[in-house]
Amino acid sequence: DVADMVADTLGVGIGWAAAPPRSPNLLMFIEAGL
């Protein structure tokens, strides 16, 4: 399904756009807690 490929690609773009520095780095937060 080509539409699945499009959804995958959009997901990659959303993940990149949502990633730090635009949002907190959850892994750094976890490490700070530890």
PDB file of all heavy atoms in Angstrom:
ATOM      1  N   ASP A   1       0.839  -1.193   0.000  1.00  0.00           N
ATOM      2  CA  ASP A   1       0.000   0.000   0.000  1.00  0.00           C
ATOM      3  C   ASP A   1       0.878   1.248   0.000  1.00  0.00           C
ATOM      4  O   ASP A   1       1.596   1.508   0.968  1.00  0.00           O
ATOM      5  CB  ASP A   1      -0.912  -0.019   1.230  1.00  0.00           C
ATOM      6  CG  ASP A   1      -1.972   1.056   1.221  1.00  0.00           C
ATOM      7  OD1 ASP A   1      -1.945   1.955   0.352  1.00  0.00           O
ATOM      8  OD2 ASP A   1      -2.850   1.013   2.114  1.00  0.00           O
ATOM      9  N   VAL A   2       0.811   1.997  -1.074  1.00  0.00           N
ATOM     10  CA  VAL A   2       1.596   3.231  -1.182  1.00  0.00           C
ATOM     11  C   VAL A   2       1.188   4.206  -0.079  1.00  0.00           C
ATOM     12  O   VAL A   2       2.027   4.948   0.448  1.00  0.00           O
ATOM     13  CB  VAL A   2       1.431   3.862  -2.586  1.00  0.00           C
ATOM     14  CG1 VAL A   2       2.072   5.233  -2.652  1.00  0.00           C
ATOM     15  CG2 VAL A   2       2.027   2.940  -3.646  1.00  0.00           C
ATOM     16  N   ALA A   3      -0.085   4.213   0.290  1.00  0.00           N
ATOM     17  CA  ALA A   3      -0.550   5.119   1.357  1.00  0.00           C
ATOM     18  C   ALA A   3       0.156   4.811   2.680  1.00  0.00           C
ATOM     19  O   ALA A   3       0.380   5.724   3.490  1.00  0.00           O
ATOM     20  CB  ALA A   3      -2.060   5.018   1.515  1.00  0.00           C
ATOM     21  N   ASP A   4       0.509   3.550   2.914  1.00  0.00           N
ATOM     22  CA  ASP A   4       1.273   3.214   4.123  1.00  0.00           C
ATOM     23  C   ASP A   4       2.664   3.840   4.068  1.00  0.00           C
ATOM     24  O   ASP A   4       3.181   4.314   5.077  1.00  0.00           O
ATOM     25  CB  ASP A   4       1.399   1.697   4.284  1.00  0.00           C
ATOM     26  CG  ASP A   4       0.093   1.037   4.701  1.00  0.00           C
ATOM     27  OD1 ASP A   4      -0.851   1.759   5.087  1.00  0.00           O
ATOM     28  OD2 ASP A   4       0.023  -0.203   4.630  1.00  0.00           O
ATOM     29  N   MET A   5       3.272   3.856   2.877  1.00  0.00           N
ATOM     30  CA  MET A   5       4.582   4.494   2.711  1.00  0.00           C
ATOM     31  C   MET A   5       4.495   5.986   3.011  1.00  0.00           C
ATOM     32  O   MET A   5       5.386   6.553   3.648  1.00  0.00           O
ATOM     33  CB  MET A   5       5.100   4.297   1.291  1.00  0.00           C
ATOM     34  CG  MET A   5       5.407   2.876   0.913  1.00  0.00           C
ATOM     35  SD  MET A   5       5.975   2.886  -0.810  1.00  0.00           S
ATOM     36  CE  MET A   5       5.712   1.198  -1.246  1.00  0.00           C
ATOM     37  N   VAL A   6       3.419   6.597   2.546  1.00  0.00           N
ATOM     38  CA  VAL A   6       3.215   8.024   2.796  1.00  0.00           C
ATOM     39  C   VAL A   6       3.040   8.261   4.296  1.00  0.00           C
ATOM     40  O   VAL A   6       3.634   9.195   4.866  1.00  0.00           O
ATOM     41  CB  VAL A   6       2.006   8.555   2.002  1.00  0.00           C
ATOM     42  CG1 VAL A   6       1.668   9.986   2.406  1.00  0.00           C
ATOM     43  CG2 VAL A   6       2.268   8.463   0.506  1.00  0.00           C
ATOM     44  N   ALA A   7       2.256   7.413   4.959  1.00  0.00           N
ATOM     45  CA  ALA A   7       2.047   7.553   6.402  1.00  0.00           C
ATOM     46  C   ALA A   7       3.361   7.380   7.165  1.00  0.00           C
ATOM     47  O   ALA A   7       3.628   8.115   8.126  1.00  0.00           O
ATOM     48  CB  ALA A   7       1.004   6.539   6.888  1.00  0.00           C
ATOM     49  N   ASP A   8       4.180   6.420   6.734  1.00  0.00           N
ATOM     50  CA  ASP A   8       5.495   6.222   7.358  1.00  0.00           C
ATOM     51  C   ASP A   8       6.344   7.481   7.226  1.00  0.00           C
ATOM     52  O   ASP A   8       6.963   7.947   8.188  1.00  0.00           O
ATOM     53  CB  ASP A   8       6.240   5.053   6.711  1.00  0.00           C
ATOM     54  CG  ASP A   8       5.525   3.719   6.845  1.00  0.00           C
ATOM     55  OD1 ASP A   8       4.643   3.585   7.707  1.00  0.00           O
ATOM     56  OD2 ASP A   8       5.853   2.811   6.057  1.00  0.00           O
ATOM     57  N   THR A   9       6.369   8.028   6.026  1.00  0.00           N
ATOM     58  CA  THR A   9       7.178   9.212   5.743  1.00  0.00           C
ATOM     59  C   THR A   9       6.688  10.413   6.544  1.00  0.00           C
ATOM     60  O   THR A   9       7.495  11.163   7.119  1.00  0.00           O
ATOM     61  CB  THR A   9       7.171   9.516   4.235  1.00  0.00           C
ATOM     62  OG1 THR A   9       7.663   8.359   3.534  1.00  0.00           O
ATOM     63  CG2 THR A   9       8.026  10.722   3.903  1.00  0.00           C
ATOM     64  N   LEU A  10       5.378  10.597   6.599  1.00  0.00           N
ATOM     65  CA  LEU A  10       4.826  11.687   7.410  1.00  0.00           C
ATOM     66  C   LEU A  10       5.179  11.489   8.882  1.00  0.00           C
ATOM     67  O   LEU A  10       5.500  12.460   9.581  1.00  0.00           O
ATOM     68  CB  LEU A  10       3.311  11.775   7.233  1.00  0.00           C
ATOM     69  CG  LEU A  10       2.832  12.297   5.884  1.00  0.00           C
ATOM     70  CD1 LEU A  10       1.315  12.173   5.770  1.00  0.00           C
ATOM     71  CD2 LEU A  10       3.271  13.737   5.672  1.00  0.00           C
ATOM     72  N   GLY A  11       5.126  10.242   9.346  1.00  0.00           N
ATOM     73  CA  GLY A  11       5.501   9.954  10.726  1.00  0.00           C
ATOM     74  C   GLY A  11       6.939  10.334  11.013  1.00  0.00           C
ATOM     75  O   GLY A  11       7.246  10.923  12.057  1.00  0.00           O
ATOM     76  N   VAL A  12       7.839  10.019  10.086  1.00  0.00           N
ATOM     77  CA  VAL A  12       9.248  10.395  10.252  1.00  0.00           C
ATOM     78  C   VAL A  12       9.362  11.912  10.369  1.00  0.00           C
ATOM     79  O   VAL A  12      10.055  12.437  11.254  1.00  0.00           O
ATOM     80  CB  VAL A  12      10.113   9.848   9.091  1.00  0.00           C
ATOM     81  CG1 VAL A  12      11.500  10.466   9.112  1.00  0.00           C
ATOM     82  CG2 VAL A  12      10.204   8.327   9.152  1.00  0.00           C
ATOM     83  N   GLY A  13       8.671  12.631   9.506  1.00  0.00           N
ATOM     84  CA  GLY A  13       8.710  14.095   9.558  1.00  0.00           C
ATOM     85  C   GLY A  13       8.160  14.651  10.853  1.00  0.00           C
ATOM     86  O   GLY A  13       8.726  15.586  11.443  1.00  0.00           O
ATOM     87  N   ILE A  14       7.071  14.070  11.326  1.00  0.00           N
ATOM     88  CA  ILE A  14       6.480  14.515  12.594  1.00  0.00           C
ATOM     89  C   ILE A  14       7.427  14.232  13.746  1.00  0.00           C
ATOM     90  O   ILE A  14       7.616  15.071  14.634  1.00  0.00           O
ATOM     91  CB  ILE A  14       5.107  13.840  12.807  1.00  0.00           C
ATOM     92  CG1 ILE A  14       4.098  14.416  11.813  1.00  0.00           C
ATOM     93  CG2 ILE A  14       4.626  14.008  14.246  1.00  0.00           C
ATOM     94  CD1 ILE A  14       2.813  13.622  11.710  1.00  0.00           C
ATOM     95  N   GLY A  15       8.035  13.036  13.740  1.00  0.00           N
ATOM     96  CA  GLY A  15       8.979  12.695  14.809  1.00  0.00           C
ATOM     97  C   GLY A  15      10.157  13.642  14.851  1.00  0.00           C
ATOM     98  O   GLY A  15      10.598  14.061  15.927  1.00  0.00           O
ATOM     99  N   TRP A  16      10.674  14.005  13.688  1.00  0.00           N
ATOM    100  CA  TRP A  16      11.794  14.943  13.616  1.00  0.00           C
ATOM    101  C   TRP A  16      11.350  16.322  14.106  1.00  0.00           C
ATOM    102  O   TRP A  16      12.024  16.964  14.904  1.00  0.00           O
ATOM    103  CB  TRP A  16      12.329  15.024  12.198  1.00  0.00           C
ATOM    104  CG  TRP A  16      13.608  15.826  12.060  1.00  0.00           C
ATOM    105  CD1 TRP A  16      14.032  16.847  12.855  1.00  0.00           C
ATOM    106  CD2 TRP A  16      14.603  15.655  11.063  1.00  0.00           C
ATOM    107  NE1 TRP A  16      15.234  17.339  12.403  1.00  0.00           N
ATOM    108  CE2 TRP A  16      15.612  16.621  11.293  1.00  0.00           C
ATOM    109  CE3 TRP A  16      14.742  14.803   9.981  1.00  0.00           C
ATOM    110  CZ2 TRP A  16      16.733  16.741  10.488  1.00  0.00           C
ATOM    111  CZ3 TRP A  16      15.874  14.924   9.189  1.00  0.00           C
ATOM    112  CH2 TRP A  16      16.854  15.884   9.440  1.00  0.00           C
ATOM    113  N   ALA A  17      10.188  16.773  13.627  1.00  0.00           N
ATOM    114  CA  ALA A  17       9.704  18.106  13.996  1.00  0.00           C
ATOM    115  C   ALA A  17       9.411  18.214  15.494  1.00  0.00           C
ATOM    116  O   ALA A  17       9.597  19.275  16.090  1.00  0.00           O
ATOM    117  CB  ALA A  17       8.452  18.448  13.188  1.00  0.00           C
ATOM    118  N   ALA A  18       8.971  17.117  16.092  1.00  0.00           N
ATOM    119  CA  ALA A  18       8.625  17.135  17.511  1.00  0.00           C
ATOM    120  C   ALA A  18       9.828  16.935  18.430  1.00  0.00           C
ATOM    121  O   ALA A  18       9.734  17.153  19.641  1.00  0.00           O
ATOM    122  CB  ALA A  18       7.593  16.042  17.796  1.00  0.00           C
ATOM    123  N   ALA A  19      10.941  16.539  17.861  1.00  0.00           N
ATOM    124  CA  ALA A  19      12.126  16.187  18.664  1.00  0.00           C
ATOM    125  C   ALA A  19      12.799  17.417  19.265  1.00  0.00           C
ATOM    126  O   ALA A  19      12.577  18.536  18.821  1.00  0.00           O
ATOM    127  CB  ALA A  19      13.117  15.422  17.783  1.00  0.00           C
ATOM    128  N   PRO A  20      13.622  17.169  20.301  1.00  0.00           N
ATOM    129  CA  PRO A  20      14.395  18.266  20.876  1.00  0.00           C
ATOM    130  C   PRO A  20      15.191  18.969  19.786  1.00  0.00           C
ATOM    131  O   PRO A  20      15.616  18.323  18.833  1.00  0.00           O
ATOM    132  CB  PRO A  20      15.335  17.561  21.862  1.00  0.00           C
ATOM    133  CG  PRO A  20      14.626  16.286  22.195  1.00  0.00           C
ATOM    134  CD  PRO A  20      13.887  15.902  20.940  1.00  0.00           C
ATOM    135  N   PRO A  21      15.319  20.263  19.841  1.00  0.00           N
ATOM    136  CA  PRO A  21      15.085  21.166  20.967  1.00  0.00           C
ATOM    137  C   PRO A  21      13.668  21.721  21.053  1.00  0.00           C
ATOM    138  O   PRO A  21      13.369  22.517  21.942  1.00  0.00           O
ATOM    139  CB  PRO A  21      16.077  22.299  20.709  1.00  0.00           C
ATOM    140  CG  PRO A  21      16.152  22.382  19.219  1.00  0.00           C
ATOM    141  CD  PRO A  21      16.003  20.957  18.736  1.00  0.00           C
ATOM    142  N   ARG A  22      12.759  21.316  20.159  1.00  0.00           N
ATOM    143  CA  ARG A  22      11.386  21.816  20.217  1.00  0.00           C
ATOM    144  C   ARG A  22      10.584  21.194  21.342  1.00  0.00           C
ATOM    145  O   ARG A  22       9.508  21.672  21.676  1.00  0.00           O
ATOM    146  CB  ARG A  22      10.703  21.594  18.874  1.00  0.00           C
ATOM    147  CG  ARG A  22      11.249  22.527  17.789  1.00  0.00           C
ATOM    148  CD  ARG A  22      10.832  22.122  16.412  1.00  0.00           C
ATOM    149  NE  ARG A  22      11.411  20.863  15.950  1.00  0.00           N
ATOM    150  CZ  ARG A  22      12.684  20.708  15.570  1.00  0.00           C
ATOM    151  NH1 ARG A  22      13.503  21.713  15.613  1.00  0.00           N
ATOM    152  NH2 ARG A  22      13.132  19.559  15.148  1.00  0.00           N
ATOM    153  N   SER A  23      11.066  20.138  21.899  1.00  0.00           N
ATOM    154  CA  SER A  23      10.410  19.476  23.032  1.00  0.00           C
ATOM    155  C   SER A  23      11.499  19.005  23.989  1.00  0.00           C
ATOM    156  O   SER A  23      12.675  18.956  23.621  1.00  0.00           O
ATOM    157  CB  SER A  23       9.582  18.285  22.537  1.00  0.00           C
ATOM    158  OG  SER A  23      10.421  17.289  22.012  1.00  0.00           O
ATOM    159  N   PRO A  24      11.115  18.652  25.202  1.00  0.00           N
ATOM    160  CA  PRO A  24      12.125  18.165  26.151  1.00  0.00           C
ATOM    161  C   PRO A  24      12.746  16.855  25.677  1.00  0.00           C
ATOM    162  O   PRO A  24      12.091  16.039  25.035  1.00  0.00           O
ATOM    163  CB  PRO A  24      11.334  17.931  27.438  1.00  0.00           C
ATOM    164  CG  PRO A  24      10.051  18.653  27.265  1.00  0.00           C
ATOM    165  CD  PRO A  24       9.791  18.730  25.793  1.00  0.00           C
ATOM    166  N   ASN A  25      14.003  16.668  26.021  1.00  0.00           N
ATOM    167  CA  ASN A  25      14.670  15.408  25.732  1.00  0.00           C
ATOM    168  C   ASN A  25      14.341  14.458  26.881  1.00  0.00           C
ATOM    169  O   ASN A  25      14.869  14.595  27.985  1.00  0.00           O
ATOM    170  CB  ASN A  25      16.182  15.608  25.601  1.00  0.00           C
ATOM    171  CG  ASN A  25      16.882  14.360  25.116  1.00  0.00           C
ATOM    172  OD1 ASN A  25      16.622  13.267  25.602  1.00  0.00           O
ATOM    173  ND2 ASN A  25      17.786  14.520  24.176  1.00  0.00           N
ATOM    174  N   LEU A  26      13.452  13.525  26.622  1.00  0.00           N
ATOM    175  CA  LEU A  26      12.996  12.610  27.667  1.00  0.00           C
ATOM    176  C   LEU A  26      14.121  11.736  28.197  1.00  0.00           C
ATOM    177  O   LEU A  26      14.139  11.390  29.380  1.00  0.00           O
ATOM    178  CB  LEU A  26      11.851  11.746  27.142  1.00  0.00           C
ATOM    179  CG  LEU A  26      10.610  12.504  26.669  1.00  0.00           C
ATOM    180  CD1 LEU A  26       9.596  11.545  26.092  1.00  0.00           C
ATOM    181  CD2 LEU A  26      10.018  13.329  27.783  1.00  0.00           C
ATOM    182  N   LEU A  27      15.052  11.371  27.341  1.00  0.00           N
ATOM    183  CA  LEU A  27      16.157  10.519  27.770  1.00  0.00           C
ATOM    184  C   LEU A  27      17.071  11.268  28.739  1.00  0.00           C
ATOM    185  O   LEU A  27      17.524  10.700  29.742  1.00  0.00           O
ATOM    186  CB  LEU A  27      16.929   9.991  26.570  1.00  0.00           C
ATOM    187  CG  LEU A  27      16.100   9.182  25.566  1.00  0.00           C
ATOM    188  CD1 LEU A  27      16.963   8.713  24.422  1.00  0.00           C
ATOM    189  CD2 LEU A  27      15.379   8.040  26.243  1.00  0.00           C
ATOM    190  N   MET A  28      17.327  12.546  28.470  1.00  0.00           N
ATOM    191  CA  MET A  28      18.125  13.345  29.400  1.00  0.00           C
ATOM    192  C   MET A  28      17.389  13.513  30.733  1.00  0.00           C
ATOM    193  O   MET A  28      18.002  13.491  31.795  1.00  0.00           O
ATOM    194  CB  MET A  28      18.458  14.709  28.798  1.00  0.00           C
ATOM    195  CG  MET A  28      19.446  14.632  27.663  1.00  0.00           C
ATOM    196  SD  MET A  28      19.809  16.262  27.017  1.00  0.00           S
ATOM    197  CE  MET A  28      21.585  16.233  27.129  1.00  0.00           C
ATOM    198  N   PHE A  29      16.072  13.672  30.647  1.00  0.00           N
ATOM    199  CA  PHE A  29      15.248  13.787  31.855  1.00  0.00           C
ATOM    200  C   PHE A  29      15.350  12.511  32.692  1.00  0.00           C
ATOM    201  O   PHE A  29      15.523  12.565  33.916  1.00  0.00           O
ATOM    202  CB  PHE A  29      13.796  14.075  31.452  1.00  0.00           C
ATOM    203  CG  PHE A  29      12.862  14.189  32.608  1.00  0.00           C
ATOM    204  CD1 PHE A  29      12.834  15.339  33.385  1.00  0.00           C
ATOM    205  CD2 PHE A  29      12.011  13.152  32.926  1.00  0.00           C
ATOM    206  CE1 PHE A  29      11.967  15.454  34.457  1.00  0.00           C
ATOM    207  CE2 PHE A  29      11.133  13.254  33.988  1.00  0.00           C
ATOM    208  CZ  PHE A  29      11.111  14.412  34.763  1.00  0.00           C
ATOM    209  N   ILE A  30      15.264  11.367  32.048  1.00  0.00           N
ATOM    210  CA  ILE A  30      15.384  10.089  32.753  1.00  0.00           C
ATOM    211  C   ILE A  30      16.762   9.962  33.378  1.00  0.00           C
ATOM    212  O   ILE A  30      16.900   9.573  34.546  1.00  0.00           O
ATOM    213  CB  ILE A  30      15.096   8.899  31.799  1.00  0.00           C
ATOM    214  CG1 ILE A  30      13.624   8.898  31.405  1.00  0.00           C
ATOM    215  CG2 ILE A  30      15.498   7.579  32.442  1.00  0.00           C
ATOM    216  CD1 ILE A  30      13.297   7.955  30.261  1.00  0.00           C
ATOM    217  N   GLU A  31      17.791  10.291  32.620  1.00  0.00           N
ATOM    218  CA  GLU A  31      19.146  10.201  33.150  1.00  0.00           C
ATOM    219  C   GLU A  31      19.365  11.140  34.321  1.00  0.00           C
ATOM    220  O   GLU A  31      20.008  10.783  35.308  1.00  0.00           O
ATOM    221  CB  GLU A  31      20.168  10.457  32.049  1.00  0.00           C
ATOM    222  CG  GLU A  31      20.277   9.317  31.077  1.00  0.00           C
ATOM    223  CD  GLU A  31      21.446   9.459  30.111  1.00  0.00           C
ATOM    224  OE1 GLU A  31      22.213  10.451  30.205  1.00  0.00           O
ATOM    225  OE2 GLU A  31      21.608   8.557  29.270  1.00  0.00           O
ATOM    226  N   ALA A  32      18.806  12.329  34.261  1.00  0.00           N
ATOM    227  CA  ALA A  32      18.918  13.277  35.375  1.00  0.00           C
ATOM    228  C   ALA A  32      18.236  12.719  36.611  1.00  0.00           C
ATOM    229  O   ALA A  32      18.743  12.847  37.733  1.00  0.00           O
ATOM    230  CB  ALA A  32      18.314  14.631  34.994  1.00  0.00           C
ATOM    231  N   GLY A  33      17.101  12.060  36.416  1.00  0.00           N
ATOM    232  CA  GLY A  33      16.390  11.447  37.539  1.00  0.00           C
ATOM    233  C   GLY A  33      17.192  10.310  38.154  1.00  0.00           C
ATOM    234  O   GLY A  33      17.214  10.138  39.378  1.00  0.00           O
ATOM    235  N   LEU A  34      17.872   9.551  37.312  1.00  0.00           N
ATOM    236  CA  LEU A  34      18.677   8.448  37.807  1.00  0.00           C
ATOM    237  C   LEU A  34      19.902   8.941  38.571  1.00  0.00           C
ATOM    238  O   LEU A  34      20.408   8.265  39.457  1.00  0.00           O
ATOM    239  CB  LEU A  34      19.131   7.547  36.661  1.00  0.00           C
ATOM    240  CG  LEU A  34      18.007   6.772  35.962  1.00  0.00           C
ATOM    241  CD1 LEU A  34      18.550   6.053  34.740  1.00  0.00           C
ATOM    242  CD2 LEU A  34      17.357   5.788  36.927  1.00  0.00           C
TER     243      LEU A  34
END
